């Protein structure tokens, strides 16, 4: 299993959004996680990052 050190940036979304927070990573384009709390997006971000990296590798990129 490979380990990656990714920066995660969390921002609060507008009142018009279905979710309150969004996490993205400038180190991994395409990583977007949304949730109702900062804890939720920070908990989900590593799982989403792993799936995204696996998908990129499987595509041969």
Foldseek 3Di string as FASTA:
>chain_A
DDDDDWDKDKDADDPPDPFGIWIDTPVDPPQIDTHNDPVVRVVCRVVSVVVSVVVCVVVVD
